[in-house]
C-alpha atoms as a PDB file:
ATOM      1  CA  MET A   1       7.328   6.248  -7.300  1.00  0.00           C
ATOM      2  CA  LYS A   2       7.112   2.766  -8.728  1.00  0.00           C
ATOM      3  CA  LEU A   3       4.350   0.660  -7.192  1.00  0.00           C
ATOM      4  CA  LEU A   4       3.272  -2.968  -7.378  1.00  0.00           C
ATOM      5  CA  VAL A   5      -0.382  -3.712  -6.614  1.00  0.00           C
ATOM      6  CA  VAL A   6      -1.105  -7.330  -5.601  1.00  0.00           C
ATOM      7  CA  ASP A   7      -4.619  -8.699  -5.116  1.00  0.00           C
ATOM      8  CA  ASP A   8      -6.582 -11.656  -6.449  1.00  0.00           C
ATOM      9  CA  SER A   9      -9.562  -9.368  -7.062  1.00  0.00           C
ATOM     10  CA  SER A  10      -9.166  -7.837 -10.508  1.00  0.00           C
ATOM     11  CA  GLU A  11     -11.611  -5.067  -9.543  1.00  0.00           C
ATOM     12  CA  ILE A  12      -9.460  -3.942  -6.615  1.00  0.00           C
ATOM     13  CA  VAL A  13      -6.288  -4.180  -8.693  1.00  0.00           C
ATOM     14  CA  ASP A  14      -7.874  -2.070 -11.449  1.00  0.00           C
ATOM     15  CA  ILE A  15      -9.180   0.564  -8.996  1.00  0.00           C
ATOM     16  CA  LEU A  16      -5.819   0.917  -7.254  1.00  0.00           C
ATOM     17  CA  PHE A  17      -3.940   0.840 -10.562  1.00  0.00           C
ATOM     18  CA  SER A  18      -6.045   3.678 -11.982  1.00  0.00           C
ATOM     19  CA  ALA A  19      -5.983   5.786  -8.812  1.00  0.00           C
ATOM     20  CA  MET A  20      -2.235   5.461  -8.313  1.00  0.00           C
ATOM     21  CA  GLU A  21      -1.534   6.164 -11.990  1.00  0.00           C
ATOM     22  CA  LEU A  22      -3.706   9.296 -11.780  1.00  0.00           C
ATOM     23  CA  SER A  23      -1.590  10.332  -8.788  1.00  0.00           C
ATOM     24  CA  GLY A  24       1.488  10.192 -11.009  1.00  0.00           C
ATOM     25  CA  HIS A  25       2.938   6.834 -10.000  1.00  0.00           C
ATOM     26  CA  GLU A  26       4.220   4.099 -12.277  1.00  0.00           C
ATOM     27  CA  VAL A  27       2.189   0.995 -11.410  1.00  0.00           C
ATOM     28  CA  ASP A  28       2.447  -2.741 -12.149  1.00  0.00           C
ATOM     29  CA  LYS A  29      -0.134  -5.416 -11.335  1.00  0.00           C
ATOM     30  CA  ALA A  30       0.052  -8.923  -9.898  1.00  0.00           C
ATOM     31  CA  TYR A  31      -2.846 -11.214  -9.004  1.00  0.00           C
ATOM     32  CA  ASP A  32      -1.174 -13.385  -6.357  1.00  0.00           C
ATOM     33  CA  GLY A  33       2.035 -13.648  -4.407  1.00  0.00           C
ATOM     34  CA  VAL A  34       3.795 -15.918  -6.881  1.00  0.00           C
ATOM     35  CA  GLU A  35       3.254 -13.408  -9.697  1.00  0.00           C
ATOM     36  CA  ALA A  36       4.373 -10.611  -7.347  1.00  0.00           C
ATOM     37  CA  ILE A  37       7.646 -12.426  -6.569  1.00  0.00           C
ATOM     38  CA  GLU A  38       8.242 -12.890 -10.315  1.00  0.00           C
ATOM     39  CA  ARG A  39       7.709  -9.151 -10.910  1.00  0.00           C
ATOM     40  CA  LEU A  40      10.019  -8.293  -8.017  1.00  0.00           C
ATOM     41  CA  GLY A  41      12.731 -10.375  -9.644  1.00  0.00           C
ATOM     42  CA  ASN A  42      12.516  -8.342 -12.838  1.00  0.00           C
ATOM     43  CA  ASN A  43      11.674  -4.849 -11.554  1.00  0.00           C
ATOM     44  CA  SER A  44      12.494  -2.432  -8.777  1.00  0.00           C
ATOM     45  CA  TYR A  45       9.652  -1.045  -6.637  1.00  0.00           C
ATOM     46  CA  ASP A  46       9.361   1.636  -3.979  1.00  0.00           C
ATOM     47  CA  VAL A  47       5.974   0.470  -2.660  1.00  0.00           C
ATOM     48  CA  VAL A  48       4.072  -2.824  -2.701  1.00  0.00           C
ATOM     49  CA  ILE A  49       0.350  -2.760  -1.918  1.00  0.00           C
ATOM     50  CA  THR A  50      -0.824  -6.287  -1.130  1.00  0.00           C
ATOM     51  CA  ASP A  51      -3.938  -8.117  -0.063  1.00  0.00           C
ATOM     52  CA  ALA A  52      -3.536 -10.587   2.788  1.00  0.00           C
ATOM     53  CA  GLU A  53      -5.373 -13.628   1.501  1.00  0.00           C
ATOM     54  CA  MET A  54      -4.748 -14.840  -2.055  1.00  0.00           C
ATOM     55  CA  PRO A  55      -4.310 -18.195  -3.774  1.00  0.00           C
ATOM     56  CA  ARG A  56      -0.841 -19.729  -4.260  1.00  0.00           C
ATOM     57  CA  MET A  57       0.880 -17.159  -1.995  1.00  0.00           C
ATOM     58  CA  GLY A  58      -0.724 -14.578   0.265  1.00  0.00           C
ATOM     59  CA  GLY A  59       0.284 -11.161   1.487  1.00  0.00           C
ATOM     60  CA  VAL A  60       1.789 -12.405   4.754  1.00  0.00           C
ATOM     61  CA  GLU A  61       4.308 -14.502   2.813  1.00  0.00           C
ATOM     62  CA  ILE A  62       4.980 -11.561   0.465  1.00  0.00           C
ATOM     63  CA  CYS A  63       5.672  -9.289   3.473  1.00  0.00           C
ATOM     64  CA  LYS A  64       8.104 -11.787   4.980  1.00  0.00           C
ATOM     65  CA  PHE A  65       9.868 -12.179   1.632  1.00  0.00           C
ATOM     66  CA  LEU A  66      10.063  -8.414   1.054  1.00  0.00           C
ATOM     67  CA  LYS A  67      11.418  -7.628   4.496  1.00  0.00           C
ATOM     68  CA  ALA A  68      14.064 -10.357   4.117  1.00  0.00           C
ATOM     69  CA  GLN A  69      15.104  -9.580   0.521  1.00  0.00           C
ATOM     70  CA  PHE A  70      14.105  -5.939  -0.149  1.00  0.00           C
ATOM     71  CA  SER A  71      13.909  -4.284   3.267  1.00  0.00           C
ATOM     72  CA  THR A  72      13.633  -0.747   1.862  1.00  0.00           C
ATOM     73  CA  ILE A  73      10.365  -1.413   0.010  1.00  0.00           C
ATOM     74  CA  PHE A  74       7.398   0.219   1.758  1.00  0.00           C
ATOM     75  CA  VAL A  75       4.673  -2.402   2.224  1.00  0.00           C
ATOM     76  CA  ILE A  76       0.993  -1.490   2.456  1.00  0.00           C
ATOM     77  CA  GLY A  77      -1.188  -4.401   3.539  1.00  0.00           C
ATOM     78  CA  MET A  78      -4.957  -4.659   3.178  1.00  0.00           C
ATOM     79  CA  SER A  79      -7.625  -7.124   4.172  1.00  0.00           C
ATOM     80  CA  GLY A  80     -11.253  -7.418   5.143  1.00  0.00           C
ATOM     81  CA  CYS A  81     -10.292  -9.598   8.121  1.00  0.00           C
ATOM     82  CA  PHE A  82      -8.904  -8.163  11.366  1.00  0.00           C
ATOM     83  CA  ARG A  83      -6.870 -11.328  12.054  1.00  0.00           C
ATOM     84  CA  ALA A  84      -5.244 -11.061   8.615  1.00  0.00           C
ATOM     85  CA  LEU A  85      -4.395  -7.385   9.227  1.00  0.00           C
ATOM     86  CA  LYS A  86      -2.597  -8.358  12.440  1.00  0.00           C
ATOM     87  CA  GLU A  87      -0.732 -11.105  10.578  1.00  0.00           C
ATOM     88  CA  LEU A  88       0.332  -8.626   7.864  1.00  0.00           C
ATOM     89  CA  LYS A  89       1.604  -6.192  10.481  1.00  0.00           C
ATOM     90  CA  ASN A  90       3.475  -8.963  12.321  1.00  0.00           C
ATOM     91  CA  ALA A  91       5.018 -10.066   9.009  1.00  0.00           C
ATOM     92  CA  GLY A  92       6.460  -6.588   8.430  1.00  0.00           C
ATOM     93  CA  ALA A  93       3.832  -4.508   6.636  1.00  0.00           C
ATOM     94  CA  ASP A  94       4.608  -0.838   7.253  1.00  0.00           C
ATOM     95  CA  ILE A  95       0.935   0.136   7.339  1.00  0.00           C
ATOM     96  CA  CYS A  96      -2.341  -1.790   6.980  1.00  0.00           C
ATOM     97  CA  PHE A  97      -5.812  -0.818   5.826  1.00  0.00           C
ATOM     98  CA  SER A  98      -9.063  -2.679   6.269  1.00  0.00           C
ATOM     99  CA  LYS A  99     -11.304  -3.307   3.288  1.00  0.00           C
ATOM    100  CA  PRO A 100     -13.189  -1.371   2.192  1.00  0.00           C
ATOM    101  CA  PHE A 101     -10.337   1.112   2.233  1.00  0.00           C
ATOM    102  CA  SER A 102     -10.018   4.768   1.354  1.00  0.00           C
ATOM    103  CA  ILE A 103      -7.995   5.510  -1.774  1.00  0.00           C
ATOM    104  CA  HIS A 104      -7.169   8.861  -0.186  1.00  0.00           C
ATOM    105  CA  ALA A 105      -5.693   7.137   2.890  1.00  0.00           C
ATOM    106  CA  ILE A 106      -3.477   4.947   0.715  1.00  0.00           C
ATOM    107  CA  GLU A 107      -2.348   7.993  -1.281  1.00  0.00           C
ATOM    108  CA  GLU A 108      -1.524   9.792   1.983  1.00  0.00           C
ATOM    109  CA  ALA A 109       0.555   6.836   3.188  1.00  0.00           C
ATOM    110  CA  ILE A 110       2.530   6.858  -0.060  1.00  0.00           C
ATOM    111  CA  GLU A 111       2.995  10.646   0.088  1.00  0.00           C
ATOM    112  CA  GLU A 112       4.264  10.377   3.669  1.00  0.00           C
ATOM    113  CA  ARG A 113       6.746   7.776   2.434  1.00  0.00           C
ATOM    114  CA  MET A 114       7.828  10.097  -0.402  1.00  0.00           C
ATOM    115  CA  PHE A 115       8.041  13.261   1.718  1.00  0.00           C
ATOM    116  CA  PRO A 116       8.460  12.226   5.375  1.00  0.00           C
ATOM    117  CA  SER A 117       9.697  15.630   6.580  1.00  0.00           C
ATOM    118  CA  LEU A 118       6.760  17.663   5.281  1.00  0.00           C
ATOM    119  CA  PRO A 119       4.098  18.609   7.846  1.00  0.00           C
ATOM    120  CA  LYS A 120       0.814  16.771   7.521  1.00  0.00           C
ATOM    121  CA  PHE A 121      -2.242  18.716   6.391  1.00  0.00           C
ATOM    122  CA  LYS A 122      -3.808  18.317   9.850  1.00  0.00           C
ATOM    123  CA  GLU A 123      -0.695  19.824  11.436  1.00  0.00           C
ATOM    124  CA  LEU A 124      -0.915  22.869   9.160  1.00  0.00           C
ATOM    125  CA  HIS A 125      -4.487  23.673  10.180  1.00  0.00           C
ATOM    126  CA  THR A 126      -4.902  22.711  13.821  1.00  0.00           C
ATOM    127  CA  SER A 127      -6.297  25.777  15.547  1.00  0.00           C
ATOM    128  CA  THR A 128      -8.093  27.886  12.951  1.00  0.00           C
ATOM    129  CA  ASP A 129     -11.875  27.966  13.053  1.00  0.00           C
ATOM    130  CA  TYR A 130     -12.722  28.655   9.422  1.00  0.00           C
ATOM    131  CA  ARG A 131     -16.283  29.735  10.234  1.00  0.00           C
ATOM    132  CA  THR A 132     -14.931  32.862  11.921  1.00  0.00           C
ATOM    133  CA  ALA A 133     -11.777  33.403   9.861  1.00  0.00           C
ATOM    134  CA  PHE A 134     -13.474  35.531   7.200  1.00  0.00           C
END
């Protein structure tokens, strides 16, 4: 999948960029909403991962823009502020994570987007007690 990671923190962008690339995704970076909108004008994305609060244009505005112009893009919002998470969700984010977030949780959300009909790992192993299975 092609992803766009948007955050004003270069450390978070670099961590997500590396993790998503290691997971086999093609990833672009943007450091605020204005740069994200420019990238969206020149590229096609399956997923946008965005922070809520950034200079020039924040994640809430990006979500509103995406849902109006590119409604099929899966939007993952993130923030360290509960109020901002609610605003992201109200603006159209498909799923939101609080900072600090789990890379694994973000990868799972993307995998569920890629393969929605596959059973989740938890569903595959619901009733087996592995201590007594051997």
